[in-house]
């Protein structure tokens, strides 16, 4: 049962970041607002598209690891990648985003990733 929960969380997190990356590619300004720091109207949307690609790629890698490797590989991947939402939290806080977005979205995601990594290490 622990394996089902651990891998289920891992799949949901990876599919979620693929969705977020795709959203940045399709609708970058809307996605930026959801991230917690709205994009300036005068800003270059290419940079938001770059974020989309760089979000989707780790999600795809995570799904490949889940499908083709063992629990330790997936655990290390989730542990290391938890640095991304922690960094996102700091970015939101430094650039005028709300504490609700910083902690409610990014910090919470990092905590869930760390819990998932711990579950995967326990298998």
N, C-alpha and C. Protein backbone atom coordinates (compact mmCIF):
# COMPACT_ATOMS: atom_id res chain seq x y z
N UNK A 1 0.82 -1.20 0.00
CA UNK A 1 0.00 0.00 0.00
C UNK A 1 0.86 1.26 0.00
N UNK A 2 1.98 1.23 0.74
CA UNK A 2 2.88 2.37 0.79
C UNK A 2 3.42 2.70 -0.61
N UNK A 3 3.73 1.68 -1.38
CA UNK A 3 4.23 1.90 -2.74
C UNK A 3 3.19 2.59 -3.61
N UNK A 4 1.95 2.19 -3.48
CA UNK A 4 0.88 2.81 -4.27
C UNK A 4 0.75 4.28 -3.91
N UNK A 5 0.80 4.60 -2.63
CA UNK A 5 0.69 6.00 -2.19
C UNK A 5 1.90 6.81 -2.66
N UNK A 6 3.10 6.28 -2.44
CA UNK A 6 4.32 7.00 -2.80
C UNK A 6 4.40 7.24 -4.31
N UNK A 7 4.14 6.20 -5.09
CA UNK A 7 4.19 6.37 -6.54
C UNK A 7 3.02 7.20 -7.04
N UNK A 8 1.87 7.08 -6.40
CA UNK A 8 0.72 7.90 -6.79
C UNK A 8 0.99 9.38 -6.62
N UNK A 9 1.58 9.74 -5.48
CA UNK A 9 1.95 11.14 -5.24
C UNK A 9 2.98 11.59 -6.27
N UNK A 10 3.97 10.76 -6.54
CA UNK A 10 5.01 11.11 -7.51
C UNK A 10 4.42 11.34 -8.90
N UNK A 11 3.52 10.48 -9.31
CA UNK A 11 2.88 10.65 -10.62
C UNK A 11 2.08 11.95 -10.65
N UNK A 12 1.29 12.20 -9.62
CA UNK A 12 0.50 13.43 -9.58
C UNK A 12 1.37 14.68 -9.62
N UNK A 13 2.46 14.69 -8.87
CA UNK A 13 3.36 15.84 -8.88
C UNK A 13 3.98 16.05 -10.25
N UNK A 14 4.41 14.98 -10.89
CA UNK A 14 5.05 15.11 -12.20
C UNK A 14 4.06 15.50 -13.28
N UNK A 15 2.87 14.93 -13.25
CA UNK A 15 1.83 15.34 -14.21
C UNK A 15 1.45 16.80 -13.96
N UNK A 16 1.39 17.18 -12.69
CA UNK A 16 1.07 18.57 -12.35
C UNK A 16 2.07 19.56 -12.91
N UNK A 17 3.35 19.27 -12.80
CA UNK A 17 4.34 20.22 -13.32
C UNK A 17 4.36 20.22 -14.84
N UNK A 18 4.02 19.11 -15.47
CA UNK A 18 3.87 19.11 -16.93
C UNK A 18 2.70 20.02 -17.31
N UNK A 19 1.61 19.93 -16.57
CA UNK A 19 0.46 20.81 -16.82
C UNK A 19 0.85 22.27 -16.66
N UNK A 20 1.57 22.59 -15.59
CA UNK A 20 1.98 23.97 -15.35
C UNK A 20 2.90 24.46 -16.46
N UNK A 21 3.85 23.62 -16.87
CA UNK A 21 4.73 24.00 -17.96
C UNK A 21 3.97 24.24 -19.25
N UNK A 22 3.01 23.38 -19.54
CA UNK A 22 2.20 23.55 -20.74
C UNK A 22 1.39 24.83 -20.66
N UNK A 23 0.90 25.14 -19.48
CA UNK A 23 0.14 26.38 -19.29
C UNK A 23 1.02 27.61 -19.58
N UNK A 24 2.28 27.56 -19.16
CA UNK A 24 3.18 28.67 -19.45
C UNK A 24 3.44 28.80 -20.96
N UNK A 25 3.39 27.70 -21.67
CA UNK A 25 3.58 27.75 -23.12
C UNK A 25 2.34 28.27 -23.84
N UNK A 26 1.17 27.88 -23.36
CA UNK A 26 -0.09 28.25 -24.03
C UNK A 26 -0.58 29.63 -23.62
N UNK A 27 -0.52 29.93 -22.35
CA UNK A 27 -1.04 31.19 -21.82
C UNK A 27 -0.08 31.74 -20.77
N UNK A 28 1.05 32.28 -21.21
CA UNK A 28 2.12 32.64 -20.26
C UNK A 28 1.74 33.68 -19.23
N UNK A 29 0.98 34.69 -19.58
CA UNK A 29 0.65 35.74 -18.61
C UNK A 29 -0.30 35.22 -17.53
N UNK A 30 -1.25 34.41 -17.93
CA UNK A 30 -2.18 33.81 -16.96
C UNK A 30 -1.41 32.88 -16.02
N UNK A 31 -0.50 32.10 -16.59
CA UNK A 31 0.30 31.18 -15.78
C UNK A 31 1.19 31.94 -14.79
N UNK A 32 1.75 33.06 -15.23
CA UNK A 32 2.60 33.86 -14.34
C UNK A 32 1.81 34.39 -13.16
N UNK A 33 0.58 34.81 -13.40
CA UNK A 33 -0.27 35.28 -12.30
C UNK A 33 -0.53 34.14 -11.32
N UNK A 34 -0.76 32.93 -11.84
CA UNK A 34 -0.98 31.78 -10.98
C UNK A 34 0.26 31.37 -10.21
N UNK A 35 1.42 31.68 -10.74
CA UNK A 35 2.70 31.39 -10.09
C UNK A 35 2.86 32.23 -8.83
N UNK A 36 2.28 33.43 -8.87
CA UNK A 36 2.36 34.31 -7.71
C UNK A 36 2.98 35.65 -7.98
N UNK A 37 3.57 35.82 -9.16
CA UNK A 37 4.15 37.10 -9.55
C UNK A 37 3.67 37.41 -10.96
N UNK A 38 2.67 38.27 -11.10
CA UNK A 38 2.16 38.58 -12.45
C UNK A 38 3.25 39.17 -13.33
N UNK A 39 3.19 38.85 -14.62
CA UNK A 39 4.16 39.37 -15.58
C UNK A 39 3.76 40.78 -15.99
N UNK A 40 4.75 41.63 -16.18
CA UNK A 40 4.48 42.99 -16.65
C UNK A 40 3.97 42.93 -18.09
N UNK A 41 3.01 43.78 -18.40
CA UNK A 41 2.47 43.83 -19.76
C UNK A 41 3.55 44.15 -20.79
N UNK A 42 4.55 44.92 -20.39
CA UNK A 42 5.62 45.29 -21.31
C UNK A 42 6.72 44.22 -21.38
N UNK A 43 6.58 43.17 -20.58
CA UNK A 43 7.61 42.13 -20.54
C UNK A 43 7.59 41.24 -21.76
N UNK A 44 8.68 40.53 -21.95
CA UNK A 44 8.83 39.62 -23.09
C UNK A 44 8.26 38.25 -22.72
N UNK A 45 7.18 37.82 -23.40
CA UNK A 45 6.58 36.53 -23.05
C UNK A 45 7.49 35.33 -23.38
N UNK A 46 8.56 35.56 -24.13
CA UNK A 46 9.49 34.47 -24.42
C UNK A 46 10.07 33.90 -23.13
N UNK A 47 10.34 34.75 -22.16
CA UNK A 47 10.91 34.25 -20.90
C UNK A 47 9.92 33.38 -20.14
N UNK A 48 8.65 33.69 -20.26
CA UNK A 48 7.65 32.85 -19.62
C UNK A 48 7.53 31.51 -20.35
N UNK A 49 7.70 31.53 -21.66
CA UNK A 49 7.69 30.28 -22.42
C UNK A 49 8.88 29.41 -22.05
N UNK A 50 10.01 30.04 -21.80
CA UNK A 50 11.19 29.29 -21.36
C UNK A 50 10.87 28.56 -20.06
N UNK A 51 10.19 29.25 -19.14
CA UNK A 51 9.79 28.61 -17.89
C UNK A 51 8.89 27.41 -18.17
N UNK A 52 8.04 27.52 -19.15
CA UNK A 52 7.16 26.41 -19.50
C UNK A 52 7.93 25.17 -19.91
N UNK A 53 8.91 25.36 -20.77
CA UNK A 53 9.73 24.23 -21.22
C UNK A 53 10.51 23.65 -20.04
N UNK A 54 11.04 24.53 -19.21
CA UNK A 54 11.86 24.08 -18.08
C UNK A 54 11.04 23.49 -16.94
N UNK A 55 9.74 23.70 -16.95
CA UNK A 55 8.87 23.00 -16.00
C UNK A 55 8.44 21.65 -16.56
N UNK A 56 8.08 21.63 -17.82
CA UNK A 56 7.56 20.39 -18.42
C UNK A 56 8.64 19.31 -18.51
N UNK A 57 9.86 19.69 -18.83
CA UNK A 57 10.92 18.69 -19.03
C UNK A 57 11.20 17.86 -17.77
N UNK A 58 11.35 18.46 -16.58
CA UNK A 58 11.55 17.62 -15.39
C UNK A 58 10.34 16.72 -15.10
N UNK A 59 9.16 17.19 -15.40
CA UNK A 59 7.98 16.36 -15.21
C UNK A 59 8.01 15.13 -16.09
N UNK A 60 8.43 15.31 -17.32
CA UNK A 60 8.57 14.17 -18.23
C UNK A 60 9.67 13.23 -17.76
N UNK A 61 10.78 13.80 -17.30
CA UNK A 61 11.86 12.97 -16.77
C UNK A 61 11.38 12.18 -15.56
N UNK A 62 10.62 12.83 -14.68
CA UNK A 62 10.10 12.15 -13.50
C UNK A 62 9.22 10.97 -13.87
N UNK A 63 8.36 11.15 -14.87
CA UNK A 63 7.51 10.04 -15.30
C UNK A 63 8.34 8.91 -15.90
N UNK A 64 9.39 9.27 -16.64
CA UNK A 64 10.28 8.23 -17.20
C UNK A 64 10.99 7.46 -16.08
N UNK A 65 11.43 8.17 -15.06
CA UNK A 65 12.07 7.50 -13.92
C UNK A 65 11.09 6.56 -13.22
N UNK A 66 9.87 7.02 -13.05
CA UNK A 66 8.85 6.19 -12.41
C UNK A 66 8.61 4.92 -13.23
N UNK A 67 8.57 5.07 -14.55
CA UNK A 67 8.26 3.93 -15.42
C UNK A 67 9.44 2.96 -15.57
N UNK A 68 10.67 3.47 -15.53
CA UNK A 68 11.79 2.64 -15.96
C UNK A 68 12.89 2.43 -14.93
N UNK A 69 12.75 2.99 -13.71
CA UNK A 69 13.81 2.79 -12.71
C UNK A 69 13.20 2.30 -11.40
N UNK A 70 13.99 2.38 -10.34
CA UNK A 70 13.53 1.89 -9.05
C UNK A 70 13.14 3.04 -8.12
N UNK A 71 12.65 2.68 -6.95
CA UNK A 71 12.17 3.67 -5.99
C UNK A 71 13.27 4.61 -5.52
N UNK A 72 14.51 4.13 -5.41
CA UNK A 72 15.59 5.01 -4.94
C UNK A 72 15.90 6.11 -5.95
N UNK A 73 15.88 5.78 -7.21
CA UNK A 73 16.10 6.81 -8.25
C UNK A 73 15.02 7.87 -8.21
N UNK A 74 13.78 7.42 -8.09
CA UNK A 74 12.65 8.37 -8.03
C UNK A 74 12.73 9.19 -6.74
N UNK A 75 13.11 8.56 -5.63
CA UNK A 75 13.23 9.27 -4.36
C UNK A 75 14.28 10.38 -4.44
N UNK A 76 15.45 10.07 -4.98
CA UNK A 76 16.50 11.08 -5.11
C UNK A 76 16.05 12.21 -6.04
N UNK A 77 15.37 11.85 -7.11
CA UNK A 77 14.86 12.85 -8.05
C UNK A 77 13.90 13.80 -7.33
N UNK A 78 12.95 13.25 -6.58
CA UNK A 78 11.97 14.09 -5.88
C UNK A 78 12.65 14.94 -4.80
N UNK A 79 13.64 14.37 -4.11
CA UNK A 79 14.35 15.10 -3.08
C UNK A 79 15.08 16.31 -3.67
N UNK A 80 15.81 16.09 -4.73
CA UNK A 80 16.58 17.18 -5.35
C UNK A 80 15.65 18.21 -5.98
N UNK A 81 14.61 17.74 -6.65
CA UNK A 81 13.71 18.68 -7.32
C UNK A 81 12.87 19.50 -6.35
N UNK A 82 12.81 19.12 -5.07
CA UNK A 82 12.11 19.94 -4.08
C UNK A 82 12.77 21.30 -3.94
N UNK A 83 14.01 21.43 -4.40
CA UNK A 83 14.69 22.73 -4.38
C UNK A 83 13.99 23.74 -5.29
N UNK A 84 13.35 23.27 -6.34
CA UNK A 84 12.70 24.18 -7.29
C UNK A 84 11.54 24.94 -6.63
N UNK A 85 10.57 24.27 -6.01
CA UNK A 85 9.51 25.07 -5.39
C UNK A 85 10.00 25.91 -4.21
N UNK A 86 11.07 25.47 -3.54
CA UNK A 86 11.63 26.32 -2.48
C UNK A 86 12.22 27.59 -3.08
N UNK A 87 12.92 27.45 -4.20
CA UNK A 87 13.44 28.62 -4.90
C UNK A 87 12.31 29.50 -5.42
N UNK A 88 11.25 28.87 -5.93
CA UNK A 88 10.09 29.63 -6.41
C UNK A 88 9.46 30.43 -5.27
N UNK A 89 9.40 29.84 -4.09
CA UNK A 89 8.85 30.53 -2.93
C UNK A 89 9.65 31.81 -2.64
N UNK A 90 10.97 31.69 -2.67
CA UNK A 90 11.82 32.87 -2.42
C UNK A 90 11.65 33.92 -3.51
N UNK A 91 11.53 33.49 -4.74
CA UNK A 91 11.32 34.42 -5.85
C UNK A 91 10.02 35.19 -5.66
N UNK A 92 8.96 34.48 -5.33
CA UNK A 92 7.66 35.14 -5.12
C UNK A 92 7.77 36.15 -3.98
N UNK A 93 8.41 35.78 -2.89
CA UNK A 93 8.54 36.69 -1.75
C UNK A 93 9.40 37.91 -2.10
N UNK A 94 10.46 37.72 -2.86
CA UNK A 94 11.37 38.82 -3.21
C UNK A 94 10.80 39.77 -4.25
N UNK A 95 9.82 39.31 -5.01
CA UNK A 95 9.34 40.13 -6.13
C UNK A 95 7.88 40.56 -5.98
N UNK A 96 7.46 40.75 -4.75
CA UNK A 96 6.17 41.36 -4.50
C UNK A 96 4.97 40.44 -4.55
N UNK A 97 5.21 39.14 -4.63
CA UNK A 97 4.08 38.21 -4.60
C UNK A 97 3.53 38.08 -3.19
N UNK A 98 2.39 37.46 -3.08
CA UNK A 98 1.77 37.32 -1.77
C UNK A 98 2.39 36.17 -0.98
N UNK A 99 2.32 36.30 0.32
CA UNK A 99 2.78 35.21 1.19
C UNK A 99 1.91 33.98 0.98
N UNK A 100 0.64 34.21 0.67
CA UNK A 100 -0.27 33.08 0.43
C UNK A 100 0.20 32.25 -0.75
N UNK A 101 0.62 32.92 -1.83
CA UNK A 101 1.13 32.18 -3.00
C UNK A 101 2.46 31.52 -2.67
N UNK A 102 3.34 32.26 -2.01
CA UNK A 102 4.67 31.72 -1.70
C UNK A 102 4.58 30.47 -0.84
N UNK A 103 3.79 30.55 0.20
CA UNK A 103 3.71 29.41 1.13
C UNK A 103 2.62 28.41 0.74
N UNK A 104 1.49 28.92 0.28
CA UNK A 104 0.37 28.05 -0.05
C UNK A 104 0.61 27.20 -1.29
N UNK A 105 1.34 27.74 -2.25
CA UNK A 105 1.62 26.99 -3.48
C UNK A 105 3.01 26.35 -3.41
N UNK A 106 4.03 27.18 -3.32
CA UNK A 106 5.40 26.71 -3.50
C UNK A 106 5.95 25.94 -2.29
N UNK A 107 5.80 26.51 -1.11
CA UNK A 107 6.30 25.82 0.09
C UNK A 107 5.56 24.49 0.29
N UNK A 108 4.25 24.53 0.13
CA UNK A 108 3.45 23.31 0.29
C UNK A 108 3.88 22.24 -0.71
N UNK A 109 4.13 22.65 -1.94
CA UNK A 109 4.60 21.69 -2.95
C UNK A 109 5.92 21.08 -2.53
N UNK A 110 6.85 21.89 -2.05
CA UNK A 110 8.14 21.37 -1.60
C UNK A 110 7.97 20.37 -0.47
N UNK A 111 7.11 20.67 0.48
CA UNK A 111 6.88 19.76 1.61
C UNK A 111 6.31 18.44 1.11
N UNK A 112 5.34 18.50 0.20
CA UNK A 112 4.76 17.26 -0.34
C UNK A 112 5.82 16.46 -1.09
N UNK A 113 6.69 17.14 -1.82
CA UNK A 113 7.77 16.44 -2.53
C UNK A 113 8.73 15.77 -1.54
N UNK A 114 9.05 16.45 -0.46
CA UNK A 114 9.95 15.87 0.54
C UNK A 114 9.31 14.68 1.25
N UNK A 115 8.03 14.79 1.53
CA UNK A 115 7.33 13.65 2.14
C UNK A 115 7.31 12.48 1.17
N UNK A 116 7.04 12.77 -0.10
CA UNK A 116 7.03 11.71 -1.11
C UNK A 116 8.41 11.06 -1.23
N UNK A 117 9.45 11.87 -1.23
CA UNK A 117 10.81 11.31 -1.29
C UNK A 117 11.04 10.38 -0.10
N UNK A 118 10.62 10.80 1.10
CA UNK A 118 10.80 9.96 2.29
C UNK A 118 10.03 8.65 2.15
N UNK A 119 8.82 8.70 1.63
CA UNK A 119 8.04 7.48 1.41
C UNK A 119 8.74 6.57 0.41
N UNK A 120 9.26 7.15 -0.66
CA UNK A 120 9.95 6.34 -1.67
C UNK A 120 11.23 5.74 -1.11
N UNK A 121 11.96 6.47 -0.28
CA UNK A 121 13.16 5.91 0.36
C UNK A 121 12.79 4.75 1.29
N UNK A 122 11.60 4.82 1.88
CA UNK A 122 11.17 3.79 2.83
C UNK A 122 10.75 2.47 2.17
N UNK A 123 10.54 2.49 0.88
CA UNK A 123 10.10 1.26 0.19
C UNK A 123 11.19 0.21 0.15
